[in-house]
Amino acid sequence: MEKMHGLQMIELADMKLFVQAVLSGSLSAAGRELGFSPAVGSKRMSRLEAALGTRLLQRSSRRLSLTEEGALYFERCQAILLDIANAEAELGQGQAEARGLLRVSSPVALGRHYIGPALAKFASQHTALQVQLSLNDDVVDVIASGFDCVVRIGANSDSRLVARKLADNRRVICASPAYLALQGQPHTPADLSQHSCILMQPSSAMHADWHLHSNKTGEAQTVRVNGNWLTNNGEQAHDWAIAGLGLVRRSIWDVAPALANGSLIEVLADWSSDSTPIHVMYPSRKHLPLRTRLFIDFLVGVFDQAV
């Protein structure tokens, strides 16, 4: 094996084997996936660790687990292999067309505002494509559910997935004119504790902590808010706010039309809620389907223009 600058050259096949072993939880299963016998797979894994000078996996008869160094290398390998796959896809896109069933999951409101229309436009460019869109505000297991990709608000907590950022999710606090006429406007974050707030699950309690910071001074405050209305559906929370049932904290893309037509009014505009990223997430597989790769790139372009 050649050396470069004192470090042995790493074979791409060994890197793929390592990533597949982590994803499948078994070195022998990874070897079968890539066409290696268990003995060859074990030899290649040992060669990779020797080349790097560190142990990547803790292996036992029952399970594999990543070492600290292995976790870091796994993350880097995923990015490298994805870059290679994307480069290969770009070379073949002149003749390739997305086809087959594209399965996508998204939060309800985001799906109706952006993902659904984006899928319709994407499918119009790829007529051999079939589309399934699942709208759900609950957390879903991407791999177990068989989705090609999911759009979610928040950080990626699943090491089996690759996350690509689409946009920042800025949230605002607002209420209907009727509610504010009856209850008055909050002028400071502390005033929120005296208002009825529409709450979102996963909390099952009728209270929540809202974190805000001043746009002028950067001061941060956390306020415990209370309410009589709790839902796991963002559109329902939106509708309740328009009906005058309380203050709601929603994504700006969700309430922008209501703010524009006056059915909702933003309060505490000098204060910002914590912003969380919107990601498209997908399984880190050996071969990501062309339809998934193309749609993810298309979706990134949609959010670049719209959000």
C-alpha atoms as a PDB file:
ATOM      1  CA  MET A   1       0.000   0.000   0.000  1.00  0.00           C
ATOM      2  CA  GLU A   2       1.339   3.409  -0.957  1.00  0.00           C
ATOM      3  CA  LYS A   3       2.139   6.117   1.563  1.00  0.00           C
ATOM      4  CA  MET A   4       1.566   9.833   1.280  1.00  0.00           C
ATOM      5  CA  HIS A   5       3.235  12.318   3.630  1.00  0.00           C
ATOM      6  CA  GLY A   6       3.904   9.571   6.158  1.00  0.00           C
ATOM      7  CA  LEU A   7       0.325   8.245   6.176  1.00  0.00           C
ATOM      8  CA  GLN A   8      -0.748   5.136   4.299  1.00  0.00           C
ATOM      9  CA  MET A   9      -3.180   5.781   1.461  1.00  0.00           C
ATOM     10  CA  ILE A  10      -6.691   4.755   2.495  1.00  0.00           C
ATOM     11  CA  GLU A  11      -8.583   2.620   0.010  1.00  0.00           C
ATOM     12  CA  LEU A  12     -12.076   3.877  -0.736  1.00  0.00           C
ATOM     13  CA  ALA A  13     -13.461   0.347  -0.424  1.00  0.00           C
ATOM     14  CA  ASP A  14     -12.174   0.142   3.157  1.00  0.00           C
ATOM     15  CA  MET A  15     -13.800   3.460   3.990  1.00  0.00           C
ATOM     16  CA  LYS A  16     -17.095   2.230   2.516  1.00  0.00           C
ATOM     17  CA  LEU A  17     -16.826  -0.974   4.525  1.00  0.00           C
ATOM     18  CA  PHE A  18     -16.348   0.988   7.749  1.00  0.00           C
ATOM     19  CA  VAL A  19     -19.363   3.231   7.088  1.00  0.00           C
ATOM     20  CA  GLN A  20     -21.543   0.285   6.099  1.00  0.00           C
ATOM     21  CA  ALA A  21     -20.488  -1.626   9.231  1.00  0.00           C
ATOM     22  CA  VAL A  22     -21.606   1.265  11.435  1.00  0.00           C
ATOM     23  CA  LEU A  23     -24.926   1.587   9.601  1.00  0.00           C
ATOM     24  CA  SER A  24     -25.711  -2.126   9.645  1.00  0.00           C
ATOM     25  CA  GLY A  25     -24.251  -2.786  13.098  1.00  0.00           C
ATOM     26  CA  SER A  26     -22.294  -5.755  11.804  1.00  0.00           C
ATOM     27  CA  LEU A  27     -18.969  -6.082  10.029  1.00  0.00           C
ATOM     28  CA  SER A  28     -19.971  -9.363   8.389  1.00  0.00           C
ATOM     29  CA  ALA A  29     -23.256  -7.844   7.160  1.00  0.00           C
ATOM     30  CA  ALA A  30     -21.346  -4.882   5.767  1.00  0.00           C
ATOM     31  CA  GLY A  31     -18.971  -7.260   4.003  1.00  0.00           C
ATOM     32  CA  ARG A  32     -21.839  -9.159   2.410  1.00  0.00           C
ATOM     33  CA  GLU A  33     -23.367  -5.872   1.239  1.00  0.00           C
ATOM     34  CA  LEU A  34     -20.099  -4.927  -0.450  1.00  0.00           C
ATOM     35  CA  GLY A  35     -19.221  -8.405  -1.721  1.00  0.00           C
ATOM     36  CA  PHE A  36     -16.537  -9.343   0.844  1.00  0.00           C
ATOM     37  CA  SER A  37     -16.314 -12.559   2.818  1.00  0.00           C
ATOM     38  CA  PRO A  38     -16.259 -12.174   6.636  1.00  0.00           C
ATOM     39  CA  ALA A  39     -12.537 -12.928   6.660  1.00  0.00           C
ATOM     40  CA  VAL A  40     -11.754 -10.348   3.981  1.00  0.00           C
ATOM     41  CA  GLY A  41     -13.993  -7.787   5.662  1.00  0.00           C
ATOM     42  CA  SER A  42     -12.233  -8.271   8.996  1.00  0.00           C
ATOM     43  CA  LYS A  43      -8.835  -8.025   7.325  1.00  0.00           C
ATOM     44  CA  ARG A  44      -9.797  -4.816   5.533  1.00  0.00           C
ATOM     45  CA  MET A  45     -11.122  -3.275   8.748  1.00  0.00           C
ATOM     46  CA  SER A  46      -7.902  -4.118  10.573  1.00  0.00           C
ATOM     47  CA  ARG A  47      -5.898  -2.660   7.685  1.00  0.00           C
ATOM     48  CA  LEU A  48      -7.880   0.578   7.839  1.00  0.00           C
ATOM     49  CA  GLU A  49      -7.321   0.935  11.585  1.00  0.00           C
ATOM     50  CA  ALA A  50      -3.625   0.184  11.143  1.00  0.00           C
ATOM     51  CA  ALA A  51      -3.326   2.803   8.406  1.00  0.00           C
ATOM     52  CA  LEU A  52      -4.961   5.399  10.646  1.00  0.00           C
ATOM     53  CA  GLY A  53      -3.062   4.317  13.724  1.00  0.00           C
ATOM     54  CA  THR A  54      -6.172   4.152  15.888  1.00  0.00           C
ATOM     55  CA  ARG A  55      -9.044   1.832  16.730  1.00  0.00           C
ATOM     56  CA  LEU A  56     -12.326   2.840  15.112  1.00  0.00           C
ATOM     57  CA  LEU A  57     -14.637   0.079  16.324  1.00  0.00           C
ATOM     58  CA  GLN A  58     -15.039  -1.862  19.533  1.00  0.00           C
ATOM     59  CA  ARG A  59     -15.979  -5.326  18.322  1.00  0.00           C
ATOM     60  CA  SER A  60     -17.646  -8.053  20.364  1.00  0.00           C
ATOM     61  CA  SER A  61     -19.575 -11.188  19.485  1.00  0.00           C
ATOM     62  CA  ARG A  62     -22.869  -9.302  19.821  1.00  0.00           C
ATOM     63  CA  ARG A  63     -22.394  -5.739  18.660  1.00  0.00           C
ATOM     64  CA  LEU A  64     -20.190  -3.035  17.240  1.00  0.00           C
ATOM     65  CA  SER A  65     -19.673   0.320  18.891  1.00  0.00           C
ATOM     66  CA  LEU A  66     -17.740   3.368  17.754  1.00  0.00           C
ATOM     67  CA  THR A  67     -14.748   4.650  19.632  1.00  0.00           C
ATOM     68  CA  GLU A  68     -14.455   8.409  20.057  1.00  0.00           C
ATOM     69  CA  GLU A  69     -12.022   8.505  17.138  1.00  0.00           C
ATOM     70  CA  GLY A  70     -14.307   6.206  15.163  1.00  0.00           C
ATOM     71  CA  ALA A  71     -17.281   8.531  15.612  1.00  0.00           C
ATOM     72  CA  LEU A  72     -15.275  11.458  14.255  1.00  0.00           C
ATOM     73  CA  TYR A  73     -13.942   9.426  11.324  1.00  0.00           C
ATOM     74  CA  PHE A  74     -17.440   8.082  10.555  1.00  0.00           C
ATOM     75  CA  GLU A  75     -18.789  11.624  10.231  1.00  0.00           C
ATOM     76  CA  ARG A  76     -15.946  12.622   7.904  1.00  0.00           C
ATOM     77  CA  CYS A  77     -16.283   9.459   5.822  1.00  0.00           C
ATOM     78  CA  GLN A  78     -19.996  10.066   5.304  1.00  0.00           C
ATOM     79  CA  ALA A  79     -19.267  13.535   3.963  1.00  0.00           C
ATOM     80  CA  ILE A  80     -16.502  12.269   1.661  1.00  0.00           C
ATOM     81  CA  LEU A  81     -18.591   9.436   0.240  1.00  0.00           C
ATOM     82  CA  LEU A  82     -21.540  11.783  -0.267  1.00  0.00           C
ATOM     83  CA  ASP A  83     -19.330  14.228  -2.174  1.00  0.00           C
ATOM     84  CA  ILE A  84     -18.130  11.421  -4.417  1.00  0.00           C
ATOM     85  CA  ALA A  85     -21.688  10.203  -5.025  1.00  0.00           C
ATOM     86  CA  ASN A  86     -22.834  13.726  -5.837  1.00  0.00           C
ATOM     87  CA  ALA A  87     -19.963  14.223  -8.271  1.00  0.00           C
ATOM     88  CA  GLU A  88     -20.830  10.975 -10.042  1.00  0.00           C
ATOM     89  CA  ALA A  89     -24.498  11.965 -10.150  1.00  0.00           C
ATOM     90  CA  GLU A  90     -23.696  15.363 -11.630  1.00  0.00           C
ATOM     91  CA  LEU A  91     -21.709  13.716 -14.423  1.00  0.00           C
ATOM     92  CA  GLY A  92     -24.624  11.475 -15.275  1.00  0.00           C
ATOM     93  CA  GLN A  93     -27.485  13.915 -14.901  1.00  0.00           C
ATOM     94  CA  GLY A  94     -27.388  14.911 -18.551  1.00  0.00           C
ATOM     95  CA  GLN A  95     -28.849  11.533 -19.489  1.00  0.00           C
ATOM     96  CA  ALA A  96     -30.420  10.498 -16.171  1.00  0.00           C
ATOM     97  CA  GLU A  97     -33.992  11.064 -15.084  1.00  0.00           C
ATOM     98  CA  ALA A  98     -35.502  10.592 -11.646  1.00  0.00           C
ATOM     99  CA  ARG A  99     -37.876   7.642 -11.663  1.00  0.00           C
ATOM    100  CA  GLY A 100     -39.571   5.292  -9.230  1.00  0.00           C
ATOM    101  CA  LEU A 101     -41.323   6.125  -5.944  1.00  0.00           C
ATOM    102  CA  LEU A 102     -39.991   9.101  -3.970  1.00  0.00           C
ATOM    103  CA  ARG A 103     -41.172   8.908  -0.330  1.00  0.00           C
ATOM    104  CA  VAL A 104     -40.895  12.141   1.668  1.00  0.00           C
ATOM    105  CA  SER A 105     -42.004  13.135   5.179  1.00  0.00           C
ATOM    106  CA  SER A 106     -42.475  16.684   6.454  1.00  0.00           C
ATOM    107  CA  PRO A 107     -44.148  18.631   9.269  1.00  0.00           C
ATOM    108  CA  VAL A 108     -47.726  19.453   8.323  1.00  0.00           C
ATOM    109  CA  ALA A 109     -47.575  23.237   7.872  1.00  0.00           C
ATOM    110  CA  LEU A 110     -44.121  23.246   6.275  1.00  0.00           C
ATOM    111  CA  GLY A 111     -45.238  20.477   3.957  1.00  0.00           C
ATOM    112  CA  ARG A 112     -48.304  22.361   2.791  1.00  0.00           C
ATOM    113  CA  HIS A 113     -46.473  25.672   2.345  1.00  0.00           C
ATOM    114  CA  TYR A 114     -43.229  24.450   0.754  1.00  0.00           C
ATOM    115  CA  ILE A 115     -42.591  20.723   0.434  1.00  0.00           C
ATOM    116  CA  GLY A 116     -45.833  19.801  -1.333  1.00  0.00           C
ATOM    117  CA  PRO A 117     -45.524  22.571  -3.957  1.00  0.00           C
ATOM    118  CA  ALA A 118     -41.818  21.769  -4.394  1.00  0.00           C
ATOM    119  CA  LEU A 119     -42.618  18.101  -5.018  1.00  0.00           C
ATOM    120  CA  ALA A 120     -45.260  19.051  -7.588  1.00  0.00           C
ATOM    121  CA  LYS A 121     -42.808  21.237  -9.491  1.00  0.00           C
ATOM    122  CA  PHE A 122     -40.035  18.637  -9.240  1.00  0.00           C
ATOM    123  CA  ALA A 123     -42.322  15.856 -10.476  1.00  0.00           C
ATOM    124  CA  SER A 124     -43.371  18.003 -13.441  1.00  0.00           C
ATOM    125  CA  GLN A 125     -39.714  17.918 -14.532  1.00  0.00           C
ATOM    126  CA  HIS A 126     -39.426  14.144 -14.008  1.00  0.00           C
ATOM    127  CA  THR A 127     -42.512  12.522 -15.478  1.00  0.00           C
ATOM    128  CA  ALA A 128     -41.400   8.966 -14.644  1.00  0.00           C
ATOM    129  CA  LEU A 129     -41.502   9.800 -10.930  1.00  0.00           C
ATOM    130  CA  GLN A 130     -44.125   8.734  -8.396  1.00  0.00           C
ATOM    131  CA  VAL A 131     -44.461  10.741  -5.168  1.00  0.00           C
ATOM    132  CA  GLN A 132     -45.650   9.915  -1.662  1.00  0.00           C
ATOM    133  CA  LEU A 133     -45.727  12.784   0.866  1.00  0.00           C
ATOM    134  CA  SER A 134     -46.430  12.048   4.536  1.00  0.00           C
ATOM    135  CA  LEU A 135     -47.331  15.091   6.658  1.00  0.00           C
ATOM    136  CA  ASN A 136     -46.713  14.523  10.352  1.00  0.00           C
ATOM    137  CA  ASP A 137     -45.545  16.805  13.157  1.00  0.00           C
ATOM    138  CA  ASP A 138     -44.271  13.843  15.205  1.00  0.00           C
ATOM    139  CA  VAL A 139     -40.730  12.477  15.033  1.00  0.00           C
ATOM    140  CA  VAL A 140     -40.462   9.598  12.563  1.00  0.00           C
ATOM    141  CA  ASP A 141     -37.850   6.873  12.180  1.00  0.00           C
ATOM    142  CA  VAL A 142     -36.646   7.554   8.652  1.00  0.00           C
ATOM    143  CA  ILE A 143     -35.008   4.196   8.075  1.00  0.00           C
ATOM    144  CA  ALA A 144     -37.681   2.024   9.702  1.00  0.00           C
ATOM    145  CA  SER A 145     -40.428   3.916   7.858  1.00  0.00           C
ATOM    146  CA  GLY A 146     -38.670   3.592   4.511  1.00  0.00           C
ATOM    147  CA  PHE A 147     -38.614   7.287   3.621  1.00  0.00           C
ATOM    148  CA  ASP A 148     -36.122   8.500   1.045  1.00  0.00           C
ATOM    149  CA  CYS A 149     -35.793  11.773   2.944  1.00  0.00           C
ATOM    150  CA  VAL A 150     -37.520  13.765   5.656  1.00  0.00           C
ATOM    151  CA  VAL A 151     -37.692  17.485   6.306  1.00  0.00           C
ATOM    152  CA  ARG A 152     -37.499  18.350   9.974  1.00  0.00           C
ATOM    153  CA  ILE A 153     -37.092  21.442  12.128  1.00  0.00           C
ATOM    154  CA  GLY A 154     -34.216  21.091  14.588  1.00  0.00           C
ATOM    155  CA  ALA A 155     -30.878  19.365  14.902  1.00  0.00           C
ATOM    156  CA  ASN A 156     -30.156  15.898  13.557  1.00  0.00           C
ATOM    157  CA  SER A 157     -30.010  13.511  16.517  1.00  0.00           C
ATOM    158  CA  ASP A 158     -29.719  10.308  14.460  1.00  0.00           C
ATOM    159  CA  SER A 159     -26.145   9.357  13.547  1.00  0.00           C
ATOM    160  CA  ARG A 160     -27.466   7.096  10.766  1.00  0.00           C
ATOM    161  CA  LEU A 161     -28.703  10.127   8.841  1.00  0.00           C
ATOM    162  CA  VAL A 162     -27.043  12.840   6.822  1.00  0.00           C
ATOM    163  CA  ALA A 163     -28.548  16.290   7.420  1.00  0.00           C
ATOM    164  CA  ARG A 164     -28.414  19.128   4.909  1.00  0.00           C
ATOM    165  CA  LYS A 165     -29.488  22.554   6.113  1.00  0.00           C
ATOM    166  CA  LEU A 166     -32.253  24.258   4.159  1.00  0.00           C
ATOM    167  CA  ALA A 167     -32.811  27.444   6.180  1.00  0.00           C
ATOM    168  CA  ASP A 168     -33.039  28.940   9.649  1.00  0.00           C
ATOM    169  CA  ASN A 169     -36.461  28.673  11.247  1.00  0.00           C
ATOM    170  CA  ARG A 170     -37.207  32.102  12.758  1.00  0.00           C
ATOM    171  CA  ARG A 171     -40.186  32.138  15.109  1.00  0.00           C
ATOM    172  CA  VAL A 172     -42.404  35.027  16.181  1.00  0.00           C
ATOM    173  CA  ILE A 173     -45.021  35.491  18.901  1.00  0.00           C
ATOM    174  CA  CYS A 174     -48.391  36.722  17.712  1.00  0.00           C
ATOM    175  CA  ALA A 175     -52.101  36.871  18.513  1.00  0.00           C
ATOM    176  CA  SER A 176     -55.359  37.959  16.936  1.00  0.00           C
ATOM    177  CA  PRO A 177     -56.535  41.585  17.138  1.00  0.00           C
ATOM    178  CA  ALA A 178     -59.564  40.412  19.145  1.00  0.00           C
ATOM    179  CA  TYR A 179     -57.403  38.689  21.762  1.00  0.00           C
ATOM    180  CA  LEU A 180     -55.099  41.700  22.131  1.00  0.00           C
ATOM    181  CA  ALA A 181     -58.064  44.092  22.382  1.00  0.00           C
ATOM    182  CA  LEU A 182     -59.438  42.020  25.247  1.00  0.00           C
ATOM    183  CA  GLN A 183     -56.247  41.047  27.082  1.00  0.00           C
ATOM    184  CA  GLY A 184     -53.818  43.785  26.081  1.00  0.00           C
ATOM    185  CA  GLN A 185     -50.368  43.485  24.513  1.00  0.00           C
ATOM    186  CA  PRO A 186     -47.370  42.084  26.397  1.00  0.00           C
ATOM    187  CA  HIS A 187     -44.640  44.736  26.562  1.00  0.00           C
ATOM    188  CA  THR A 188     -41.883  42.638  28.159  1.00  0.00           C
ATOM    189  CA  PRO A 189     -41.118  38.905  28.100  1.00  0.00           C
ATOM    190  CA  ALA A 190     -42.209  38.690  31.744  1.00  0.00           C
ATOM    191  CA  ASP A 191     -45.702  39.820  30.695  1.00  0.00           C
ATOM    192  CA  LEU A 192     -46.122  36.560  28.768  1.00  0.00           C
ATOM    193  CA  SER A 193     -46.661  34.690  32.026  1.00  0.00           C
ATOM    194  CA  GLN A 194     -49.901  36.654  32.493  1.00  0.00           C
ATOM    195  CA  HIS A 195     -51.312  35.602  29.120  1.00  0.00           C
ATOM    196  CA  SER A 196     -52.970  32.482  27.786  1.00  0.00           C
ATOM    197  CA  CYS A 197     -50.508  30.834  25.403  1.00  0.00           C
ATOM    198  CA  ILE A 198     -51.225  28.146  22.852  1.00  0.00           C
ATOM    199  CA  LEU A 199     -48.734  25.347  23.451  1.00  0.00           C
ATOM    200  CA  MET A 200     -47.186  22.706  21.243  1.00  0.00           C
ATOM    201  CA  GLN A 201     -46.329  19.140  22.169  1.00  0.00           C
ATOM    202  CA  PRO A 202     -44.114  17.082  22.813  1.00  0.00           C
ATOM    203  CA  SER A 203     -44.681  18.532  26.297  1.00  0.00           C
ATOM    204  CA  SER A 204     -47.839  17.097  27.859  1.00  0.00           C
ATOM    205  CA  ALA A 205     -47.910  19.849  30.502  1.00  0.00           C
ATOM    206  CA  MET A 206     -49.980  22.983  30.104  1.00  0.00           C
ATOM    207  CA  HIS A 207     -46.897  25.154  30.369  1.00  0.00           C
ATOM    208  CA  ALA A 208     -43.621  25.645  28.513  1.00  0.00           C
ATOM    209  CA  ASP A 209     -40.400  27.632  28.739  1.00  0.00           C
ATOM    210  CA  TRP A 210     -39.942  30.176  25.972  1.00  0.00           C
ATOM    211  CA  HIS A 211     -36.402  31.436  25.434  1.00  0.00           C
ATOM    212  CA  LEU A 212     -36.038  34.952  24.043  1.00  0.00           C
ATOM    213  CA  HIS A 213     -33.253  37.460  23.523  1.00  0.00           C
ATOM    214  CA  SER A 214     -33.330  41.196  22.924  1.00  0.00           C
ATOM    215  CA  ASN A 215     -32.579  42.323  19.372  1.00  0.00           C
ATOM    216  CA  LYS A 216     -31.193  45.568  20.803  1.00  0.00           C
ATOM    217  CA  THR A 217     -29.058  44.495  23.774  1.00  0.00           C
ATOM    218  CA  GLY A 218     -28.678  40.736  23.329  1.00  0.00           C
ATOM    219  CA  GLU A 219     -30.140  40.158  26.799  1.00  0.00           C
ATOM    220  CA  ALA A 220     -31.545  36.645  27.175  1.00  0.00           C
ATOM    221  CA  GLN A 221     -34.645  35.738  29.156  1.00  0.00           C
ATOM    222  CA  THR A 222     -36.521  32.503  29.748  1.00  0.00           C
ATOM    223  CA  VAL A 223     -40.212  32.799  30.563  1.00  0.00           C
ATOM    224  CA  ARG A 224     -42.537  30.086  31.850  1.00  0.00           C
ATOM    225  CA  VAL A 225     -45.766  30.469  29.862  1.00  0.00           C
ATOM    226  CA  ASN A 226     -49.107  28.826  30.566  1.00  0.00           C
ATOM    227  CA  GLY A 227     -52.239  28.088  28.612  1.00  0.00           C
ATOM    228  CA  ASN A 228     -55.364  26.002  28.238  1.00  0.00           C
ATOM    229  CA  TRP A 229     -54.699  24.885  24.673  1.00  0.00           C
ATOM    230  CA  LEU A 230     -52.196  22.187  23.708  1.00  0.00           C
ATOM    231  CA  THR A 231     -51.775  20.463  20.337  1.00  0.00           C
ATOM    232  CA  ASN A 232     -49.253  18.475  18.323  1.00  0.00           C
ATOM    233  CA  ASN A 233     -50.395  20.119  15.079  1.00  0.00           C
ATOM    234  CA  GLY A 234     -48.969  23.464  14.006  1.00  0.00           C
ATOM    235  CA  GLU A 235     -51.891  24.367  11.767  1.00  0.00           C
ATOM    236  CA  GLN A 236     -54.307  23.815  14.622  1.00  0.00           C
ATOM    237  CA  ALA A 237     -52.253  26.123  16.842  1.00  0.00           C
ATOM    238  CA  HIS A 238     -52.321  28.692  14.027  1.00  0.00           C
ATOM    239  CA  ASP A 239     -56.107  28.434  13.703  1.00  0.00           C
ATOM    240  CA  TRP A 240     -56.642  28.730  17.460  1.00  0.00           C
ATOM    241  CA  ALA A 241     -54.574  31.912  17.513  1.00  0.00           C
ATOM    242  CA  ILE A 242     -56.645  33.452  14.709  1.00  0.00           C
ATOM    243  CA  ALA A 243     -59.777  32.453  16.660  1.00  0.00           C
ATOM    244  CA  GLY A 244     -58.535  34.574  19.562  1.00  0.00           C
ATOM    245  CA  LEU A 245     -57.698  31.811  22.035  1.00  0.00           C
ATOM    246  CA  GLY A 246     -54.261  33.112  22.999  1.00  0.00           C
ATOM    247  CA  LEU A 247     -50.715  33.991  22.044  1.00  0.00           C
ATOM    248  CA  VAL A 248     -48.880  31.566  19.798  1.00  0.00           C
ATOM    249  CA  ARG A 249     -45.233  31.170  18.843  1.00  0.00           C
ATOM    250  CA  ARG A 250     -44.944  30.067  15.244  1.00  0.00           C
ATOM    251  CA  SER A 251     -42.458  30.007  12.384  1.00  0.00           C
ATOM    252  CA  ILE A 252     -42.456  33.184  10.322  1.00  0.00           C
ATOM    253  CA  TRP A 253     -43.090  31.248   7.104  1.00  0.00           C
ATOM    254  CA  ASP A 254     -46.252  29.829   8.710  1.00  0.00           C
ATOM    255  CA  VAL A 255     -47.798  33.086   9.948  1.00  0.00           C
ATOM    256  CA  ALA A 256     -46.479  35.540   7.329  1.00  0.00           C
ATOM    257  CA  PRO A 257     -49.760  35.554   5.311  1.00  0.00           C
ATOM    258  CA  ALA A 258     -51.830  36.093   8.477  1.00  0.00           C
ATOM    259  CA  LEU A 259     -49.520  38.912   9.585  1.00  0.00           C
ATOM    260  CA  ALA A 260     -49.817  40.490   6.148  1.00  0.00           C
ATOM    261  CA  ASN A 261     -53.640  40.428   6.104  1.00  0.00           C
ATOM    262  CA  GLY A 262     -53.979  41.509   9.730  1.00  0.00           C
ATOM    263  CA  SER A 263     -55.608  38.372  11.138  1.00  0.00           C
ATOM    264  CA  LEU A 264     -52.569  38.015  13.417  1.00  0.00           C
ATOM    265  CA  ILE A 265     -50.392  40.720  14.974  1.00  0.00           C
ATOM    266  CA  GLU A 266     -46.797  40.193  16.070  1.00  0.00           C
ATOM    267  CA  VAL A 267     -45.990  41.107  19.684  1.00  0.00           C
ATOM    268  CA  LEU A 268     -42.627  41.681  21.359  1.00  0.00           C
ATOM    269  CA  ALA A 269     -41.094  42.404  17.956  1.00  0.00           C
ATOM    270  CA  ASP A 270     -37.909  43.649  19.652  1.00  0.00           C
ATOM    271  CA  TRP A 271     -37.364  40.165  21.077  1.00  0.00           C
ATOM    272  CA  SER A 272     -36.455  37.020  19.133  1.00  0.00           C
ATOM    273  CA  SER A 273     -37.110  33.398  19.951  1.00  0.00           C
ATOM    274  CA  ASP A 274     -34.369  30.831  19.549  1.00  0.00           C
ATOM    275  CA  SER A 275     -33.916  30.034  15.867  1.00  0.00           C
ATOM    276  CA  THR A 276     -33.658  26.370  14.917  1.00  0.00           C
ATOM    277  CA  PRO A 277     -32.464  25.047  11.547  1.00  0.00           C
ATOM    278  CA  ILE A 278     -34.651  23.360   8.971  1.00  0.00           C
ATOM    279  CA  HIS A 279     -32.909  20.240   7.638  1.00  0.00           C
ATOM    280  CA  VAL A 280     -33.558  17.688   4.958  1.00  0.00           C
ATOM    281  CA  MET A 281     -32.317  14.355   6.303  1.00  0.00           C
ATOM    282  CA  TYR A 282     -31.734  11.093   4.501  1.00  0.00           C
ATOM    283  CA  PRO A 283     -30.184   7.673   5.139  1.00  0.00           C
ATOM    284  CA  SER A 284     -26.470   7.429   4.538  1.00  0.00           C
ATOM    285  CA  ARG A 285     -26.653   4.490   2.184  1.00  0.00           C
ATOM    286  CA  LYS A 286     -24.061   3.036  -0.124  1.00  0.00           C
ATOM    287  CA  HIS A 287     -26.056   4.191  -3.156  1.00  0.00           C
ATOM    288  CA  LEU A 288     -28.448   7.086  -2.640  1.00  0.00           C
ATOM    289  CA  PRO A 289     -31.135   6.844  -5.356  1.00  0.00           C
ATOM    290  CA  LEU A 290     -30.809   9.422  -8.097  1.00  0.00           C
ATOM    291  CA  ARG A 291     -34.393  10.594  -7.465  1.00  0.00           C
ATOM    292  CA  THR A 292     -33.472  11.400  -3.849  1.00  0.00           C
ATOM    293  CA  ARG A 293     -30.246  13.184  -4.740  1.00  0.00           C
ATOM    294  CA  LEU A 294     -31.932  15.270  -7.404  1.00  0.00           C
ATOM    295  CA  PHE A 295     -34.870  16.197  -5.178  1.00  0.00           C
ATOM    296  CA  ILE A 296     -32.623  17.233  -2.283  1.00  0.00           C
ATOM    297  CA  ASP A 297     -30.635  19.531  -4.579  1.00  0.00           C
ATOM    298  CA  PHE A 298     -33.888  20.905  -5.981  1.00  0.00           C
ATOM    299  CA  LEU A 299     -35.281  21.509  -2.483  1.00  0.00           C
ATOM    300  CA  VAL A 300     -32.161  23.390  -1.403  1.00  0.00           C
ATOM    301  CA  GLY A 301     -32.692  25.709  -4.363  1.00  0.00           C
ATOM    302  CA  VAL A 302     -36.345  26.245  -3.423  1.00  0.00           C
ATOM    303  CA  PHE A 303     -35.435  27.334   0.102  1.00  0.00           C
ATOM    304  CA  ASP A 304     -32.573  29.513  -1.115  1.00  0.00           C
ATOM    305  CA  GLN A 305     -35.106  31.532  -3.091  1.00  0.00           C
ATOM    306  CA  ALA A 306     -38.085  31.452  -0.737  1.00  0.00           C
ATOM    307  CA  VAL A 307     -36.953  31.583   2.904  1.00  0.00           C
END
